[in-house]
């Protein structure tokens, strides 16, 4: 079953939880409900996920619950070097003949909220013998086990200019993955303007650089930004100073 994880030399047709239908319709590997599980965090909570091989070849399949990594931009991806804490997969590896399917049970072992990904990889069983490019399949769905009582706690840090955008550092120490949103009132050389901040989902324990406004829309000079930040029932307002140069 080691071959199912050795993706070197294979072209992987990928699909996240919102795009899995494209993989299903074109054959290959399919996962019920796009491998997405969302429910309240309860110890022993179990969900059955049906995995089906719709390709013409037998596939070695690997299933794993992964924690997310989150970039400062807010983008997330599965950490393939680690397993999601307290989430158990009943069948981590197996082989599926063409047209065959298997039910895999995903179980939460704690009542603590968990956020991560269910990663399903399928590679031809004879991949080691094949030459050239080999097509494999990878489907990534979201695992969202929500706390019965959500807590919101954000720490707002420095305002910086990054990649042409004025950003605000925001870290979550709460237990939800709810989006962070808000608005900014920017006072500068040409007066005052208000901009709505695009919402970004923020994972517990992670830090993002919340984008406020593009530098291209600003004249050089000194600015004072009054930023309101919201997540769920949490609300805070901070004042930051910055200088825009050309």
C-alpha atoms as a PDB file:
ATOM      1  CA  UNK A   1       0.000   0.000   0.000  1.00  0.00           C
ATOM      2  CA  UNK A   2       3.048   2.256   0.138  1.00  0.00           C
ATOM      3  CA  UNK A   3       2.594   3.005  -3.546  1.00  0.00           C
ATOM      4  CA  UNK A   4      -0.590   4.927  -2.842  1.00  0.00           C
ATOM      5  CA  UNK A   5       1.413   7.577  -1.031  1.00  0.00           C
ATOM      6  CA  UNK A   6       4.347   7.667  -3.460  1.00  0.00           C
ATOM      7  CA  UNK A   7       2.996  10.300  -5.818  1.00  0.00           C
ATOM      8  CA  UNK A   8       6.350  11.099  -7.433  1.00  0.00           C
ATOM      9  CA  UNK A   9       6.091  10.637 -11.204  1.00  0.00           C
ATOM     10  CA  UNK A  10       2.301  10.732 -11.205  1.00  0.00           C
ATOM     11  CA  UNK A  11       0.017  13.454 -12.494  1.00  0.00           C
ATOM     12  CA  UNK A  12      -2.613  13.968  -9.823  1.00  0.00           C
ATOM     13  CA  UNK A  13      -6.094  15.075 -10.880  1.00  0.00           C
ATOM     14  CA  UNK A  14      -7.119  17.157  -7.886  1.00  0.00           C
ATOM     15  CA  UNK A  15     -10.476  18.286  -6.563  1.00  0.00           C
ATOM     16  CA  UNK A  16     -11.462  20.089  -3.413  1.00  0.00           C
ATOM     17  CA  UNK A  17     -14.849  19.731  -1.731  1.00  0.00           C
ATOM     18  CA  UNK A  18     -16.488  22.148  -4.167  1.00  0.00           C
ATOM     19  CA  UNK A  19     -14.972  20.736  -7.375  1.00  0.00           C
ATOM     20  CA  UNK A  20     -15.172  16.992  -6.830  1.00  0.00           C
ATOM     21  CA  UNK A  21     -17.957  16.568  -9.402  1.00  0.00           C
ATOM     22  CA  UNK A  22     -15.483  17.321 -12.180  1.00  0.00           C
ATOM     23  CA  UNK A  23     -13.432  14.311 -11.144  1.00  0.00           C
ATOM     24  CA  UNK A  24     -16.507  12.127 -10.741  1.00  0.00           C
ATOM     25  CA  UNK A  25     -17.902  12.916 -14.155  1.00  0.00           C
ATOM     26  CA  UNK A  26     -14.594  12.244 -15.869  1.00  0.00           C
ATOM     27  CA  UNK A  27     -14.078   8.893 -14.181  1.00  0.00           C
ATOM     28  CA  UNK A  28     -11.356   8.171 -11.661  1.00  0.00           C
ATOM     29  CA  UNK A  29     -11.987   8.464  -7.961  1.00  0.00           C
ATOM     30  CA  UNK A  30     -15.153   9.799  -6.347  1.00  0.00           C
ATOM     31  CA  UNK A  31     -15.940  10.598  -2.730  1.00  0.00           C
ATOM     32  CA  UNK A  32     -19.444  11.014  -1.355  1.00  0.00           C
ATOM     33  CA  UNK A  33     -20.340  14.650  -0.571  1.00  0.00           C
ATOM     34  CA  UNK A  34     -16.952  15.784  -1.821  1.00  0.00           C
ATOM     35  CA  UNK A  35     -15.267  14.369   1.320  1.00  0.00           C
ATOM     36  CA  UNK A  36     -16.798  17.188   3.383  1.00  0.00           C
ATOM     37  CA  UNK A  37     -17.898  16.710   6.993  1.00  0.00           C
ATOM     38  CA  UNK A  38     -19.353  19.560   9.049  1.00  0.00           C
ATOM     39  CA  UNK A  39     -21.001  19.014  12.434  1.00  0.00           C
ATOM     40  CA  UNK A  40     -20.837  19.823  16.140  1.00  0.00           C
ATOM     41  CA  UNK A  41     -17.824  18.429  17.963  1.00  0.00           C
ATOM     42  CA  UNK A  42     -19.049  15.466  20.021  1.00  0.00           C
ATOM     43  CA  UNK A  43     -16.798  12.665  21.250  1.00  0.00           C
ATOM     44  CA  UNK A  44     -17.549   9.543  19.218  1.00  0.00           C
ATOM     45  CA  UNK A  45     -19.263  11.422  16.380  1.00  0.00           C
ATOM     46  CA  UNK A  46     -18.934   9.239  13.286  1.00  0.00           C
ATOM     47  CA  UNK A  47     -19.575   9.849   9.588  1.00  0.00           C
ATOM     48  CA  UNK A  48     -19.470   7.242   6.833  1.00  0.00           C
ATOM     49  CA  UNK A  49     -17.821   8.364   3.601  1.00  0.00           C
ATOM     50  CA  UNK A  50     -18.284   6.293   0.436  1.00  0.00           C
ATOM     51  CA  UNK A  51     -15.240   6.106  -1.833  1.00  0.00           C
ATOM     52  CA  UNK A  52     -15.694   4.711  -5.348  1.00  0.00           C
ATOM     53  CA  UNK A  53     -13.266   3.801  -8.116  1.00  0.00           C
ATOM     54  CA  UNK A  54     -14.795   4.944 -11.402  1.00  0.00           C
ATOM     55  CA  UNK A  55     -11.642   4.395 -13.435  1.00  0.00           C
ATOM     56  CA  UNK A  56     -10.836   1.417 -15.650  1.00  0.00           C
ATOM     57  CA  UNK A  57      -7.881   0.366 -13.468  1.00  0.00           C
ATOM     58  CA  UNK A  58      -7.527  -0.898  -9.912  1.00  0.00           C
ATOM     59  CA  UNK A  59      -6.457   1.838  -7.499  1.00  0.00           C
ATOM     60  CA  UNK A  60      -4.486   1.826  -4.276  1.00  0.00           C
ATOM     61  CA  UNK A  61      -6.317   4.312  -2.051  1.00  0.00           C
ATOM     62  CA  UNK A  62      -4.995   6.208   0.966  1.00  0.00           C
ATOM     63  CA  UNK A  63      -7.299   8.161   3.286  1.00  0.00           C
ATOM     64  CA  UNK A  64      -6.048  10.560   5.968  1.00  0.00           C
ATOM     65  CA  UNK A  65      -7.324  13.364   8.163  1.00  0.00           C
ATOM     66  CA  UNK A  66      -4.888  16.280   7.917  1.00  0.00           C
ATOM     67  CA  UNK A  67      -4.537  19.564   9.797  1.00  0.00           C
ATOM     68  CA  UNK A  68      -4.610  22.715   7.710  1.00  0.00           C
ATOM     69  CA  UNK A  69      -1.665  24.984   7.153  1.00  0.00           C
ATOM     70  CA  UNK A  70      -2.742  28.580   6.617  1.00  0.00           C
ATOM     71  CA  UNK A  71      -0.748  31.169   4.701  1.00  0.00           C
ATOM     72  CA  UNK A  72      -0.740  34.821   5.717  1.00  0.00           C
ATOM     73  CA  UNK A  73      -3.099  35.444   2.775  1.00  0.00           C
ATOM     74  CA  UNK A  74      -5.653  33.119   4.376  1.00  0.00           C
ATOM     75  CA  UNK A  75      -5.251  30.300   1.855  1.00  0.00           C
ATOM     76  CA  UNK A  76      -5.231  26.823   3.412  1.00  0.00           C
ATOM     77  CA  UNK A  77      -3.754  23.504   2.344  1.00  0.00           C
ATOM     78  CA  UNK A  78      -3.469  20.083   4.025  1.00  0.00           C
ATOM     79  CA  UNK A  79      -0.300  19.426   5.995  1.00  0.00           C
ATOM     80  CA  UNK A  80       0.694  16.079   4.497  1.00  0.00           C
ATOM     81  CA  UNK A  81       3.402  15.592   7.128  1.00  0.00           C
ATOM     82  CA  UNK A  82       0.896  15.365   9.951  1.00  0.00           C
ATOM     83  CA  UNK A  83      -2.437  13.810  10.967  1.00  0.00           C
ATOM     84  CA  UNK A  84      -5.359  15.733  12.435  1.00  0.00           C
ATOM     85  CA  UNK A  85      -5.436  15.359  16.177  1.00  0.00           C
ATOM     86  CA  UNK A  86      -8.233  13.182  17.594  1.00  0.00           C
ATOM     87  CA  UNK A  87      -9.750  12.226  14.226  1.00  0.00           C
ATOM     88  CA  UNK A  88      -9.659   8.526  13.326  1.00  0.00           C
ATOM     89  CA  UNK A  89     -10.086   6.950   9.881  1.00  0.00           C
ATOM     90  CA  UNK A  90     -11.312   3.344   9.936  1.00  0.00           C
ATOM     91  CA  UNK A  91      -9.599   2.309   6.668  1.00  0.00           C
ATOM     92  CA  UNK A  92      -6.432   4.353   6.053  1.00  0.00           C
ATOM     93  CA  UNK A  93      -5.427   2.242   3.043  1.00  0.00           C
ATOM     94  CA  UNK A  94      -7.046  -0.287   0.721  1.00  0.00           C
ATOM     95  CA  UNK A  95      -7.309  -1.369  -2.899  1.00  0.00           C
ATOM     96  CA  UNK A  96     -10.376  -0.768  -5.068  1.00  0.00           C
ATOM     97  CA  UNK A  97     -11.110  -2.737  -8.224  1.00  0.00           C
ATOM     98  CA  UNK A  98     -12.701  -0.851 -11.148  1.00  0.00           C
ATOM     99  CA  UNK A  99     -16.301  -0.028 -10.262  1.00  0.00           C
ATOM    100  CA  UNK A 100     -15.838  -1.046  -6.621  1.00  0.00           C
ATOM    101  CA  UNK A 101     -16.547   1.139  -3.585  1.00  0.00           C
ATOM    102  CA  UNK A 102     -15.795   1.130   0.129  1.00  0.00           C
ATOM    103  CA  UNK A 103     -17.382   2.832   3.119  1.00  0.00           C
ATOM    104  CA  UNK A 104     -14.862   4.528   5.383  1.00  0.00           C
ATOM    105  CA  UNK A 105     -15.849   5.758   8.840  1.00  0.00           C
ATOM    106  CA  UNK A 106     -14.376   9.035  10.079  1.00  0.00           C
ATOM    107  CA  UNK A 107     -14.675   9.382  13.868  1.00  0.00           C
ATOM    108  CA  UNK A 108     -14.000  12.320  16.174  1.00  0.00           C
ATOM    109  CA  UNK A 109     -12.551  11.114  19.490  1.00  0.00           C
ATOM    110  CA  UNK A 110     -13.005  14.333  21.483  1.00  0.00           C
ATOM    111  CA  UNK A 111     -15.529  17.085  22.088  1.00  0.00           C
ATOM    112  CA  UNK A 112     -12.890  19.697  21.265  1.00  0.00           C
ATOM    113  CA  UNK A 113     -13.382  21.588  18.016  1.00  0.00           C
ATOM    114  CA  UNK A 114     -11.236  20.420  15.103  1.00  0.00           C
ATOM    115  CA  UNK A 115     -10.634  21.911  11.662  1.00  0.00           C
ATOM    116  CA  UNK A 116      -8.772  20.135   8.910  1.00  0.00           C
ATOM    117  CA  UNK A 117      -9.007  18.200   5.670  1.00  0.00           C
ATOM    118  CA  UNK A 118      -9.969  14.707   4.597  1.00  0.00           C
ATOM    119  CA  UNK A 119      -7.437  13.757   1.929  1.00  0.00           C
ATOM    120  CA  UNK A 120      -8.174  10.831  -0.397  1.00  0.00           C
ATOM    121  CA  UNK A 121      -5.502   9.712  -2.878  1.00  0.00           C
ATOM    122  CA  UNK A 122      -5.900   6.998  -5.512  1.00  0.00           C
ATOM    123  CA  UNK A 123      -3.037   5.676  -7.653  1.00  0.00           C
ATOM    124  CA  UNK A 124      -2.933   2.716 -10.060  1.00  0.00           C
ATOM    125  CA  UNK A 125      -1.822  -0.469  -8.305  1.00  0.00           C
ATOM    126  CA  UNK A 126       0.845  -1.073 -10.935  1.00  0.00           C
ATOM    127  CA  UNK A 127       2.350   2.420 -10.787  1.00  0.00           C
ATOM    128  CA  UNK A 128       5.822   1.065  -9.953  1.00  0.00           C
ATOM    129  CA  UNK A 129       5.890  -0.866 -13.228  1.00  0.00           C
ATOM    130  CA  UNK A 130       4.644   1.927 -15.476  1.00  0.00           C
ATOM    131  CA  UNK A 131       6.863   4.245 -17.467  1.00  0.00           C
ATOM    132  CA  UNK A 132       6.337   7.912 -18.205  1.00  0.00           C
ATOM    133  CA  UNK A 133       3.494   9.968 -16.774  1.00  0.00           C
ATOM    134  CA  UNK A 134       0.873   8.132 -14.706  1.00  0.00           C
ATOM    135  CA  UNK A 135      -2.458   9.692 -13.756  1.00  0.00           C
ATOM    136  CA  UNK A 136      -3.562   9.549 -10.132  1.00  0.00           C
ATOM    137  CA  UNK A 137      -6.393  11.190  -8.198  1.00  0.00           C
ATOM    138  CA  UNK A 138      -6.498  13.385  -5.105  1.00  0.00           C
ATOM    139  CA  UNK A 139      -9.635  14.728  -3.458  1.00  0.00           C
ATOM    140  CA  UNK A 140      -9.469  17.101  -0.488  1.00  0.00           C
ATOM    141  CA  UNK A 141     -12.575  17.885   1.550  1.00  0.00           C
ATOM    142  CA  UNK A 142     -13.099  20.041   4.631  1.00  0.00           C
ATOM    143  CA  UNK A 143     -13.481  18.619   8.137  1.00  0.00           C
ATOM    144  CA  UNK A 144     -15.241  21.087  10.416  1.00  0.00           C
ATOM    145  CA  UNK A 145     -16.083  19.903  13.913  1.00  0.00           C
ATOM    146  CA  UNK A 146     -17.540  22.981  15.578  1.00  0.00           C
ATOM    147  CA  UNK A 147     -17.524  23.706  19.308  1.00  0.00           C
ATOM    148  CA  UNK A 148     -20.891  23.625  21.063  1.00  0.00           C
ATOM    149  CA  UNK A 149     -20.058  27.043  22.486  1.00  0.00           C
ATOM    150  CA  UNK A 150     -17.972  29.176  20.134  1.00  0.00           C
ATOM    151  CA  UNK A 151     -15.391  31.509  21.599  1.00  0.00           C
ATOM    152  CA  UNK A 152     -13.931  34.444  19.713  1.00  0.00           C
ATOM    153  CA  UNK A 153     -10.585  35.968  20.610  1.00  0.00           C
ATOM    154  CA  UNK A 154      -8.526  37.998  18.157  1.00  0.00           C
ATOM    155  CA  UNK A 155      -5.193  39.718  18.675  1.00  0.00           C
ATOM    156  CA  UNK A 156      -4.597  42.595  16.278  1.00  0.00           C
ATOM    157  CA  UNK A 157      -0.986  43.402  15.476  1.00  0.00           C
ATOM    158  CA  UNK A 158       0.910  45.738  13.177  1.00  0.00           C
ATOM    159  CA  UNK A 159      -0.250  47.346   9.959  1.00  0.00           C
ATOM    160  CA  UNK A 160       2.200  46.830   7.085  1.00  0.00           C
ATOM    161  CA  UNK A 161       2.445  47.208   3.351  1.00  0.00           C
ATOM    162  CA  UNK A 162       2.877  43.766   1.792  1.00  0.00           C
ATOM    163  CA  UNK A 163       2.850  42.964  -1.923  1.00  0.00           C
ATOM    164  CA  UNK A 164       1.225  46.280  -2.719  1.00  0.00           C
ATOM    165  CA  UNK A 165      -1.528  45.965  -0.112  1.00  0.00           C
ATOM    166  CA  UNK A 166      -1.964  47.583   3.296  1.00  0.00           C
ATOM    167  CA  UNK A 167      -2.428  44.642   5.678  1.00  0.00           C
ATOM    168  CA  UNK A 168      -3.249  44.178   9.346  1.00  0.00           C
ATOM    169  CA  UNK A 169      -1.886  41.226  11.329  1.00  0.00           C
ATOM    170  CA  UNK A 170      -4.717  39.283  13.012  1.00  0.00           C
ATOM    171  CA  UNK A 171      -4.302  36.156  15.151  1.00  0.00           C
ATOM    172  CA  UNK A 172      -7.064  33.927  16.515  1.00  0.00           C
ATOM    173  CA  UNK A 173      -6.907  32.225  19.898  1.00  0.00           C
ATOM    174  CA  UNK A 174     -10.584  31.233  19.786  1.00  0.00           C
ATOM    175  CA  UNK A 175     -12.095  27.887  18.805  1.00  0.00           C
ATOM    176  CA  UNK A 176     -13.891  28.700  15.553  1.00  0.00           C
ATOM    177  CA  UNK A 177     -12.943  29.053  11.893  1.00  0.00           C
ATOM    178  CA  UNK A 178     -15.446  31.805  11.234  1.00  0.00           C
ATOM    179  CA  UNK A 179     -14.505  34.540   8.749  1.00  0.00           C
ATOM    180  CA  UNK A 180     -12.864  37.760   9.905  1.00  0.00           C
ATOM    181  CA  UNK A 181     -14.298  40.900   8.326  1.00  0.00           C
ATOM    182  CA  UNK A 182     -14.577  44.602   9.022  1.00  0.00           C
ATOM    183  CA  UNK A 183     -14.006  48.030   7.536  1.00  0.00           C
ATOM    184  CA  UNK A 184     -11.296  50.672   7.492  1.00  0.00           C
ATOM    185  CA  UNK A 185     -11.544  54.453   7.673  1.00  0.00           C
ATOM    186  CA  UNK A 186      -8.392  55.837   6.085  1.00  0.00           C
ATOM    187  CA  UNK A 187      -7.369  59.467   6.629  1.00  0.00           C
ATOM    188  CA  UNK A 188      -4.577  60.805   4.410  1.00  0.00           C
ATOM    189  CA  UNK A 189      -3.308  63.602   2.149  1.00  0.00           C
ATOM    190  CA  UNK A 190      -6.477  63.706   0.028  1.00  0.00           C
ATOM    191  CA  UNK A 191      -8.972  63.410   2.854  1.00  0.00           C
ATOM    192  CA  UNK A 192     -10.816  60.449   4.336  1.00  0.00           C
ATOM    193  CA  UNK A 193     -12.152  57.332   2.649  1.00  0.00           C
ATOM    194  CA  UNK A 194     -13.931  54.231   3.900  1.00  0.00           C
ATOM    195  CA  UNK A 195     -13.305  50.745   2.562  1.00  0.00           C
ATOM    196  CA  UNK A 196     -15.014  47.462   3.405  1.00  0.00           C
ATOM    197  CA  UNK A 197     -12.556  44.710   4.309  1.00  0.00           C
ATOM    198  CA  UNK A 198     -12.949  41.457   2.366  1.00  0.00           C
ATOM    199  CA  UNK A 199     -13.723  38.610   4.773  1.00  0.00           C
ATOM    200  CA  UNK A 200     -11.170  35.835   5.289  1.00  0.00           C
ATOM    201  CA  UNK A 201     -11.743  32.584   7.178  1.00  0.00           C
ATOM    202  CA  UNK A 202      -9.288  32.388  10.107  1.00  0.00           C
ATOM    203  CA  UNK A 203      -8.396  29.092  11.788  1.00  0.00           C
ATOM    204  CA  UNK A 204      -7.779  28.763  15.549  1.00  0.00           C
ATOM    205  CA  UNK A 205      -4.180  29.491  16.477  1.00  0.00           C
ATOM    206  CA  UNK A 206      -3.352  30.957  13.064  1.00  0.00           C
ATOM    207  CA  UNK A 207      -2.283  34.444  11.983  1.00  0.00           C
ATOM    208  CA  UNK A 208      -3.227  36.168   8.746  1.00  0.00           C
ATOM    209  CA  UNK A 209      -2.352  39.471   7.098  1.00  0.00           C
ATOM    210  CA  UNK A 210      -5.834  40.894   6.613  1.00  0.00           C
ATOM    211  CA  UNK A 211      -5.899  42.935   3.431  1.00  0.00           C
ATOM    212  CA  UNK A 212      -7.253  46.459   3.958  1.00  0.00           C
ATOM    213  CA  UNK A 213      -6.668  48.482   0.797  1.00  0.00           C
ATOM    214  CA  UNK A 214      -4.464  48.466  -2.304  1.00  0.00           C
ATOM    215  CA  UNK A 215      -1.512  50.855  -2.213  1.00  0.00           C
ATOM    216  CA  UNK A 216      -2.139  51.677  -5.889  1.00  0.00           C
ATOM    217  CA  UNK A 217      -5.243  53.592  -4.858  1.00  0.00           C
ATOM    218  CA  UNK A 218      -3.326  55.752  -2.367  1.00  0.00           C
ATOM    219  CA  UNK A 219      -1.244  58.890  -2.825  1.00  0.00           C
ATOM    220  CA  UNK A 220       2.198  59.011  -1.167  1.00  0.00           C
ATOM    221  CA  UNK A 221       2.081  60.377   2.347  1.00  0.00           C
ATOM    222  CA  UNK A 222       1.192  59.596   5.938  1.00  0.00           C
ATOM    223  CA  UNK A 223      -2.069  57.898   6.818  1.00  0.00           C
ATOM    224  CA  UNK A 224      -4.090  57.067   9.895  1.00  0.00           C
ATOM    225  CA  UNK A 225      -6.211  53.942   9.592  1.00  0.00           C
ATOM    226  CA  UNK A 226      -9.108  53.294  11.941  1.00  0.00           C
ATOM    227  CA  UNK A 227      -9.887  49.615  11.457  1.00  0.00           C
ATOM    228  CA  UNK A 228     -12.908  47.730  12.765  1.00  0.00           C
ATOM    229  CA  UNK A 229     -12.403  43.956  12.949  1.00  0.00           C
ATOM    230  CA  UNK A 230     -15.217  41.440  13.450  1.00  0.00           C
ATOM    231  CA  UNK A 231     -15.500  37.684  13.922  1.00  0.00           C
ATOM    232  CA  UNK A 232     -18.806  36.273  15.127  1.00  0.00           C
ATOM    233  CA  UNK A 233     -19.739  38.218  18.253  1.00  0.00           C
ATOM    234  CA  UNK A 234     -16.244  39.672  18.603  1.00  0.00           C
ATOM    235  CA  UNK A 235     -15.642  43.289  17.650  1.00  0.00           C
ATOM    236  CA  UNK A 236     -12.667  45.561  18.142  1.00  0.00           C
ATOM    237  CA  UNK A 237     -11.441  48.848  16.693  1.00  0.00           C
ATOM    238  CA  UNK A 238      -7.792  49.845  16.390  1.00  0.00           C
ATOM    239  CA  UNK A 239      -5.926  52.882  15.094  1.00  0.00           C
ATOM    240  CA  UNK A 240      -2.786  52.381  13.018  1.00  0.00           C
ATOM    241  CA  UNK A 241      -0.388  54.803  11.364  1.00  0.00           C
ATOM    242  CA  UNK A 242       1.520  54.102   8.154  1.00  0.00           C
ATOM    243  CA  UNK A 243       3.472  55.851   5.434  1.00  0.00           C
ATOM    244  CA  UNK A 244       2.990  55.210   1.739  1.00  0.00           C
ATOM    245  CA  UNK A 245       6.004  55.803  -0.489  1.00  0.00           C
ATOM    246  CA  UNK A 246       6.573  55.596  -4.235  1.00  0.00           C
END
